PDB file of all heavy atoms in Angstrom:
ATOM      1  N   HIS A   1     123.204  69.947 108.912  1.00  0.00           N
ATOM      2  CA  HIS A   1     124.436  69.379 108.992  1.00  0.00           C
ATOM      3  C   HIS A   1     124.309  67.951 109.460  1.00  0.00           C
ATOM      4  O   HIS A   1     123.480  67.648 110.334  1.00  0.00           O
ATOM      5  CB  HIS A   1     125.311  70.146 109.946  1.00  0.00           C
ATOM      6  CG  HIS A   1     125.665  71.541 109.462  1.00  0.00           C
ATOM      7  ND1 HIS A   1     126.945  71.997 109.279  1.00  0.00           N
ATOM      8  CD2 HIS A   1     124.848  72.584 109.177  1.00  0.00           C
ATOM      9  CE1 HIS A   1     126.954  73.213 108.867  1.00  0.00           C
ATOM     10  NE2 HIS A   1     125.679  73.631 108.846  1.00  0.00           N
ATOM     11  N   ILE A   2     125.035  67.045 108.860  1.00  0.00           N
ATOM     12  CA  ILE A   2     125.060  65.627 109.308  1.00  0.00           C
ATOM     13  C   ILE A   2     126.440  65.145 109.554  1.00  0.00           C
ATOM     14  O   ILE A   2     127.380  65.349 108.793  1.00  0.00           O
ATOM     15  CB  ILE A   2     124.423  64.745 108.151  1.00  0.00           C
ATOM     16  CG1 ILE A   2     122.937  65.126 107.913  1.00  0.00           C
ATOM     17  CG2 ILE A   2     124.526  63.314 108.496  1.00  0.00           C
ATOM     18  CD1 ILE A   2     122.213  64.360 106.848  1.00  0.00           C
ATOM     19  N   LYS A   3     126.566  64.493 110.726  1.00  0.00           N
ATOM     20  CA  LYS A   3     127.881  64.009 111.148  1.00  0.00           C
ATOM     21  C   LYS A   3     127.878  62.480 111.073  1.00  0.00           C
ATOM     22  O   LYS A   3     126.987  61.839 111.711  1.00  0.00           O
ATOM     23  CB  LYS A   3     128.198  64.456 112.565  1.00  0.00           C
ATOM     24  CG  LYS A   3     129.551  63.974 113.162  1.00  0.00           C
ATOM     25  CD  LYS A   3     129.811  64.528 114.487  1.00  0.00           C
ATOM     26  CE  LYS A   3     131.211  64.122 115.010  1.00  0.00           C
ATOM     27  NZ  LYS A   3     131.540  64.745 116.327  1.00  0.00           N
ATOM     28  N   ASP A   4     128.846  61.935 110.385  1.00  0.00           N
ATOM     29  CA  ASP A   4     128.968  60.458 110.415  1.00  0.00           C
ATOM     30  C   ASP A   4     129.758  60.064 111.692  1.00  0.00           C
ATOM     31  O   ASP A   4     130.837  60.482 112.020  1.00  0.00           O
ATOM     32  CB  ASP A   4     129.853  59.987 109.238  1.00  0.00           C
ATOM     33  CG  ASP A   4     129.953  58.522 109.138  1.00  0.00           C
ATOM     34  OD1 ASP A   4     130.586  57.909 110.046  1.00  0.00           O
ATOM     35  OD2 ASP A   4     129.372  57.933 108.192  1.00  0.00           O
ATOM     36  N   LEU A   5     129.048  59.374 112.602  1.00  0.00           N
ATOM     37  CA  LEU A   5     129.581  59.102 113.938  1.00  0.00           C
ATOM     38  C   LEU A   5     130.743  58.192 114.020  1.00  0.00           C
ATOM     39  O   LEU A   5     131.429  58.132 114.988  1.00  0.00           O
ATOM     40  CB  LEU A   5     128.457  58.642 114.876  1.00  0.00           C
ATOM     41  CG  LEU A   5     127.279  59.602 115.034  1.00  0.00           C
ATOM     42  CD1 LEU A   5     126.203  59.019 115.985  1.00  0.00           C
ATOM     43  CD2 LEU A   5     127.835  60.944 115.636  1.00  0.00           C
ATOM     44  N   ASP A   6     130.953  57.429 112.874  1.00  0.00           N
ATOM     45  CA  ASP A   6     132.168  56.520 112.838  1.00  0.00           C
ATOM     46  C   ASP A   6     133.355  57.276 112.373  1.00  0.00           C
ATOM     47  O   ASP A   6     134.390  57.182 113.013  1.00  0.00           O
ATOM     48  CB  ASP A   6     131.917  55.368 111.809  1.00  0.00           C
ATOM     49  CG  ASP A   6     130.882  54.310 112.439  1.00  0.00           C
ATOM     50  OD1 ASP A   6     130.851  54.191 113.685  1.00  0.00           O
ATOM     51  OD2 ASP A   6     130.216  53.682 111.629  1.00  0.00           O
ATOM     52  N   SER A   7     133.267  58.084 111.335  1.00  0.00           N
ATOM     53  CA  SER A   7     134.395  58.813 110.729  1.00  0.00           C
ATOM     54  C   SER A   7     134.597  60.130 111.374  1.00  0.00           C
ATOM     55  O   SER A   7     135.645  60.737 111.338  1.00  0.00           O
ATOM     56  CB  SER A   7     134.251  58.859 109.251  1.00  0.00           C
ATOM     57  OG  SER A   7     133.137  59.739 108.944  1.00  0.00           O
ATOM     58  N   GLY A   8     133.547  60.729 111.962  1.00  0.00           N
ATOM     59  CA  GLY A   8     133.534  62.055 112.487  1.00  0.00           C
ATOM     60  C   GLY A   8     133.293  63.125 111.452  1.00  0.00           C
ATOM     61  O   GLY A   8     133.341  64.329 111.774  1.00  0.00           O
ATOM     62  N   GLU A   9     133.178  62.757 110.163  1.00  0.00           N
ATOM     63  CA  GLU A   9     133.054  63.748 109.080  1.00  0.00           C
ATOM     64  C   GLU A   9     131.694  64.386 109.155  1.00  0.00           C
ATOM     65  O   GLU A   9     130.641  63.786 109.389  1.00  0.00           O
ATOM     66  CB  GLU A   9     133.213  63.016 107.721  1.00  0.00           C
ATOM     67  CG  GLU A   9     133.047  63.915 106.554  1.00  0.00           C
ATOM     68  CD  GLU A   9     133.111  63.167 105.258  1.00  0.00           C
ATOM     69  OE1 GLU A   9     133.339  61.970 105.251  1.00  0.00           O
ATOM     70  OE2 GLU A   9     132.912  63.800 104.138  1.00  0.00           O
ATOM     71  N   VAL A  10     131.698  65.744 109.016  1.00  0.00           N
ATOM     72  CA  VAL A  10     130.567  66.585 109.059  1.00  0.00           C
ATOM     73  C   VAL A  10     130.234  67.184 107.587  1.00  0.00           C
ATOM     74  O   VAL A  10     131.184  67.762 107.019  1.00  0.00           O
ATOM     75  CB  VAL A  10     130.578  67.721 110.089  1.00  0.00           C
ATOM     76  CG1 VAL A  10     129.369  68.577 110.066  1.00  0.00           C
ATOM     77  CG2 VAL A  10     130.796  67.060 111.495  1.00  0.00           C
ATOM     78  N   SER A  11     128.992  67.111 107.144  1.00  0.00           N
ATOM     79  CA  SER A  11     128.670  67.661 105.851  1.00  0.00           C
ATOM     80  C   SER A  11     127.422  68.585 106.087  1.00  0.00           C
ATOM     81  O   SER A  11     126.492  68.230 106.752  1.00  0.00           O
ATOM     82  CB  SER A  11     128.300  66.547 104.868  1.00  0.00           C
ATOM     83  OG  SER A  11     129.416  65.629 104.659  1.00  0.00           O
ATOM     84  N   ASN A  12     127.557  69.646 105.334  1.00  0.00           N
ATOM     85  CA  ASN A  12     126.383  70.590 105.260  1.00  0.00           C
ATOM     86  C   ASN A  12     125.624  70.243 104.057  1.00  0.00           C
ATOM     87  O   ASN A  12     125.969  70.589 102.941  1.00  0.00           O
ATOM     88  CB  ASN A  12     126.814  72.046 105.164  1.00  0.00           C
ATOM     89  CG  ASN A  12     125.679  73.009 105.048  1.00  0.00           C
ATOM     90  OD1 ASN A  12     124.501  72.609 104.895  1.00  0.00           O
ATOM     91  ND2 ASN A  12     125.932  74.330 105.174  1.00  0.00           N
ATOM     92  N   VAL A  13     124.581  69.365 104.204  1.00  0.00           N
ATOM     93  CA  VAL A  13     123.947  68.771 102.965  1.00  0.00           C
ATOM     94  C   VAL A  13     122.996  69.715 102.309  1.00  0.00           C
ATOM     95  O   VAL A  13     122.673  69.473 101.120  1.00  0.00           O
ATOM     96  CB  VAL A  13     123.195  67.544 103.433  1.00  0.00           C
ATOM     97  CG1 VAL A  13     124.130  66.423 103.880  1.00  0.00           C
ATOM     98  CG2 VAL A  13     122.066  67.745 104.293  1.00  0.00           C
ATOM     99  N   THR A  14     122.562  70.819 102.944  1.00  0.00           N
ATOM    100  CA  THR A  14     121.668  71.817 102.286  1.00  0.00           C
ATOM    101  C   THR A  14     122.466  73.108 101.907  1.00  0.00           C
ATOM    102  O   THR A  14     121.744  74.081 101.624  1.00  0.00           O
ATOM    103  CB  THR A  14     120.492  72.117 103.088  1.00  0.00           C
ATOM    104  OG1 THR A  14     120.913  72.608 104.335  1.00  0.00           O
ATOM    105  CG2 THR A  14     119.669  70.871 103.356  1.00  0.00           C
ATOM    106  N   ALA A  15     123.722  73.099 101.799  1.00  0.00           N
ATOM    107  CA  ALA A  15     124.548  74.312 101.615  1.00  0.00           C
ATOM    108  C   ALA A  15     124.127  74.979 100.258  1.00  0.00           C
ATOM    109  O   ALA A  15     124.164  76.224 100.215  1.00  0.00           O
ATOM    110  CB  ALA A  15     125.983  73.984 101.650  1.00  0.00           C
ATOM    111  N   GLU A  16     123.777  74.177  99.273  1.00  0.00           N
ATOM    112  CA  GLU A  16     123.551  74.762  97.986  1.00  0.00           C
ATOM    113  C   GLU A  16     122.057  74.972  97.650  1.00  0.00           C
ATOM    114  O   GLU A  16     121.671  75.330  96.613  1.00  0.00           O
ATOM    115  CB  GLU A  16     124.063  73.789  96.914  1.00  0.00           C
ATOM    116  CG  GLU A  16     125.582  73.541  97.002  1.00  0.00           C
ATOM    117  CD  GLU A  16     126.407  74.786  97.045  1.00  0.00           C
ATOM    118  OE1 GLU A  16     126.125  75.632  96.174  1.00  0.00           O
ATOM    119  OE2 GLU A  16     127.383  74.859  97.835  1.00  0.00           O
ATOM    120  N   TRP A  17     121.252  74.805  98.731  1.00  0.00           N
ATOM    121  CA  TRP A  17     119.787  74.960  98.583  1.00  0.00           C
ATOM    122  C   TRP A  17     119.379  76.183  99.343  1.00  0.00           C
ATOM    123  O   TRP A  17     119.556  76.235 100.599  1.00  0.00           O
ATOM    124  CB  TRP A  17     119.127  73.718  99.082  1.00  0.00           C
ATOM    125  CG  TRP A  17     117.608  73.612  98.951  1.00  0.00           C
ATOM    126  CD1 TRP A  17     116.861  73.988  97.806  1.00  0.00           C
ATOM    127  CD2 TRP A  17     116.675  73.174  99.931  1.00  0.00           C
ATOM    128  NE1 TRP A  17     115.596  73.815  98.059  1.00  0.00           N
ATOM    129  CE2 TRP A  17     115.370  73.242  99.345  1.00  0.00           C
ATOM    130  CE3 TRP A  17     116.732  72.652 101.195  1.00  0.00           C
ATOM    131  CZ2 TRP A  17     114.194  72.930 100.006  1.00  0.00           C
ATOM    132  CZ3 TRP A  17     115.617  72.188 101.888  1.00  0.00           C
ATOM    133  CH2 TRP A  17     114.355  72.343 101.266  1.00  0.00           C
ATOM    134  N   ASP A  18     118.784  77.210  98.704  1.00  0.00           N
ATOM    135  CA  ASP A  18     118.554  78.448  99.248  1.00  0.00           C
ATOM    136  C   ASP A  18     117.202  78.508  99.877  1.00  0.00           C
ATOM    137  O   ASP A  18     116.314  79.362  99.571  1.00  0.00           O
ATOM    138  CB  ASP A  18     118.652  79.556  98.228  1.00  0.00           C
ATOM    139  CG  ASP A  18     118.811  80.922  98.926  1.00  0.00           C
ATOM    140  OD1 ASP A  18     118.954  80.968 100.073  1.00  0.00           O
ATOM    141  OD2 ASP A  18     118.779  81.943  98.120  1.00  0.00           O
ATOM    142  N   ARG A  19     117.007  77.646 100.923  1.00  0.00           N
ATOM    143  CA  ARG A  19     115.817  77.629 101.746  1.00  0.00           C
ATOM    144  C   ARG A  19     116.268  77.488 103.185  1.00  0.00           C
ATOM    145  O   ARG A  19     117.268  76.750 103.438  1.00  0.00           O
ATOM    146  CB  ARG A  19     114.774  76.638 101.395  1.00  0.00           C
ATOM    147  CG  ARG A  19     114.039  76.955 100.046  1.00  0.00           C
ATOM    148  CD  ARG A  19     113.116  78.171 100.245  1.00  0.00           C
ATOM    149  NE  ARG A  19     112.407  78.463  98.957  1.00  0.00           N
ATOM    150  CZ  ARG A  19     112.823  79.392  98.090  1.00  0.00           C
ATOM    151  NH1 ARG A  19     114.034  79.940  98.243  1.00  0.00           N
ATOM    152  NH2 ARG A  19     112.133  79.624  97.053  1.00  0.00           N
ATOM    153  N   SER A  20     115.567  78.024 104.154  1.00  0.00           N
ATOM    154  CA  SER A  20     115.810  77.853 105.546  1.00  0.00           C
ATOM    155  C   SER A  20     114.943  76.735 106.108  1.00  0.00           C
ATOM    156  O   SER A  20     113.716  76.862 105.847  1.00  0.00           O
ATOM    157  CB  SER A  20     115.595  79.115 106.281  1.00  0.00           C
ATOM    158  OG  SER A  20     116.083  79.024 107.679  1.00  0.00           O
ATOM    159  N   VAL A  21     115.466  75.805 106.771  1.00  0.00           N
ATOM    160  CA  VAL A  21     114.769  74.624 107.282  1.00  0.00           C
ATOM    161  C   VAL A  21     114.033  74.974 108.523  1.00  0.00           C
ATOM    162  O   VAL A  21     114.676  75.384 109.466  1.00  0.00           O
ATOM    163  CB  VAL A  21     115.642  73.420 107.425  1.00  0.00           C
ATOM    164  CG1 VAL A  21     114.941  72.221 107.990  1.00  0.00           C
ATOM    165  CG2 VAL A  21     116.382  73.068 106.116  1.00  0.00           C
ATOM    166  N   SER A  22     112.695  74.691 108.585  1.00  0.00           N
ATOM    167  CA  SER A  22     112.012  74.843 109.862  1.00  0.00           C
ATOM    168  C   SER A  22     112.033  73.669 110.714  1.00  0.00           C
ATOM    169  O   SER A  22     112.242  73.723 111.886  1.00  0.00           O
ATOM    170  CB  SER A  22     110.566  75.265 109.554  1.00  0.00           C
ATOM    171  OG  SER A  22     110.426  76.528 108.928  1.00  0.00           O
ATOM    172  N   SER A  23     111.791  72.485 110.036  1.00  0.00           N
ATOM    173  CA  SER A  23     111.823  71.153 110.759  1.00  0.00           C
ATOM    174  C   SER A  23     112.206  70.146 109.828  1.00  0.00           C
ATOM    175  O   SER A  23     112.128  70.323 108.560  1.00  0.00           O
ATOM    176  CB  SER A  23     110.449  70.842 111.404  1.00  0.00           C
ATOM    177  OG  SER A  23     109.470  70.640 110.335  1.00  0.00           O
ATOM    178  N   TYR A  24     112.597  68.946 110.269  1.00  0.00           N
ATOM    179  CA  TYR A  24     113.061  67.853 109.436  1.00  0.00           C
ATOM    180  C   TYR A  24     112.928  66.535 110.186  1.00  0.00           C
ATOM    181  O   TYR A  24     112.983  66.522 111.425  1.00  0.00           O
ATOM    182  CB  TYR A  24     114.500  68.109 108.880  1.00  0.00           C
ATOM    183  CG  TYR A  24     115.553  67.948 109.991  1.00  0.00           C
ATOM    184  CD1 TYR A  24     116.349  66.816 110.012  1.00  0.00           C
ATOM    185  CD2 TYR A  24     115.725  68.925 110.960  1.00  0.00           C
ATOM    186  CE1 TYR A  24     117.347  66.684 110.972  1.00  0.00           C
ATOM    187  CE2 TYR A  24     116.656  68.776 111.909  1.00  0.00           C
ATOM    188  CZ  TYR A  24     117.463  67.622 111.952  1.00  0.00           C
ATOM    189  OH  TYR A  24     118.419  67.465 112.953  1.00  0.00           O
ATOM    190  N   ALA A  25     112.946  65.477 109.445  1.00  0.00           N
ATOM    191  CA  ALA A  25     112.876  64.186 110.025  1.00  0.00           C
ATOM    192  C   ALA A  25     113.532  63.117 109.032  1.00  0.00           C
ATOM    193  O   ALA A  25     113.361  63.349 107.769  1.00  0.00           O
ATOM    194  CB  ALA A  25     111.527  63.650 110.411  1.00  0.00           C
ATOM    195  N   PHE A  26     114.185  62.112 109.520  1.00  0.00           N
ATOM    196  CA  PHE A  26     114.779  61.119 108.633  1.00  0.00           C
ATOM    197  C   PHE A  26     113.736  60.173 108.123  1.00  0.00           C
ATOM    198  O   PHE A  26     112.740  59.891 108.892  1.00  0.00           O
ATOM    199  CB  PHE A  26     115.780  60.257 109.432  1.00  0.00           C
ATOM    200  CG  PHE A  26     117.211  60.895 109.508  1.00  0.00           C
ATOM    201  CD1 PHE A  26     117.550  61.573 110.643  1.00  0.00           C
ATOM    202  CD2 PHE A  26     118.112  60.675 108.532  1.00  0.00           C
ATOM    203  CE1 PHE A  26     118.811  62.094 110.733  1.00  0.00           C
ATOM    204  CE2 PHE A  26     119.372  61.249 108.526  1.00  0.00           C
ATOM    205  CZ  PHE A  26     119.733  61.956 109.748  1.00  0.00           C
ATOM    206  N   SER A  27     113.866  59.622 106.913  1.00  0.00           N
ATOM    207  CA  SER A  27     113.066  58.545 106.490  1.00  0.00           C
ATOM    208  C   SER A  27     113.525  57.311 107.219  1.00  0.00           C
ATOM    209  O   SER A  27     114.607  57.219 107.851  1.00  0.00           O
ATOM    210  CB  SER A  27     113.289  58.349 104.931  1.00  0.00           C
ATOM    211  OG  SER A  27     114.661  58.085 104.686  1.00  0.00           O
ATOM    212  N   HIS A  28     112.702  56.238 107.153  1.00  0.00           N
ATOM    213  CA  HIS A  28     113.008  54.963 107.934  1.00  0.00           C
ATOM    214  C   HIS A  28     114.350  54.397 107.495  1.00  0.00           C
ATOM    215  O   HIS A  28     115.079  53.769 108.371  1.00  0.00           O
ATOM    216  CB  HIS A  28     111.897  54.062 107.875  1.00  0.00           C
ATOM    217  CG  HIS A  28     110.855  54.266 108.865  1.00  0.00           C
ATOM    218  ND1 HIS A  28     110.239  53.151 109.461  1.00  0.00           N
ATOM    219  CD2 HIS A  28     110.393  55.338 109.540  1.00  0.00           C
ATOM    220  CE1 HIS A  28     109.357  53.556 110.385  1.00  0.00           C
ATOM    221  NE2 HIS A  28     109.475  54.898 110.445  1.00  0.00           N
ATOM    222  N   ASP A  29     114.668  54.491 106.230  1.00  0.00           N
ATOM    223  CA  ASP A  29     115.978  53.868 105.743  1.00  0.00           C
ATOM    224  C   ASP A  29     117.141  54.922 105.893  1.00  0.00           C
ATOM    225  O   ASP A  29     118.265  54.553 105.627  1.00  0.00           O
ATOM    226  CB  ASP A  29     115.867  53.395 104.349  1.00  0.00           C
ATOM    227  CG  ASP A  29     115.559  54.613 103.281  1.00  0.00           C
ATOM    228  OD1 ASP A  29     115.636  55.759 103.759  1.00  0.00           O
ATOM    229  OD2 ASP A  29     115.317  54.259 102.182  1.00  0.00           O
ATOM    230  N   GLY A  30     116.921  56.074 106.370  1.00  0.00           N
ATOM    231  CA  GLY A  30     117.950  57.042 106.699  1.00  0.00           C
ATOM    232  C   GLY A  30     118.550  57.693 105.474  1.00  0.00           C
ATOM    233  O   GLY A  30     119.536  58.471 105.540  1.00  0.00           O
TER     234      GLY A  30
END
């Protein structure tokens, strides 16, 4: 899930991907 801190909008960006995430990190450009 990613929240835009300006608008407050929250998106589940992996909702349509049928894998469970163990770990993650942003790229440098986000």
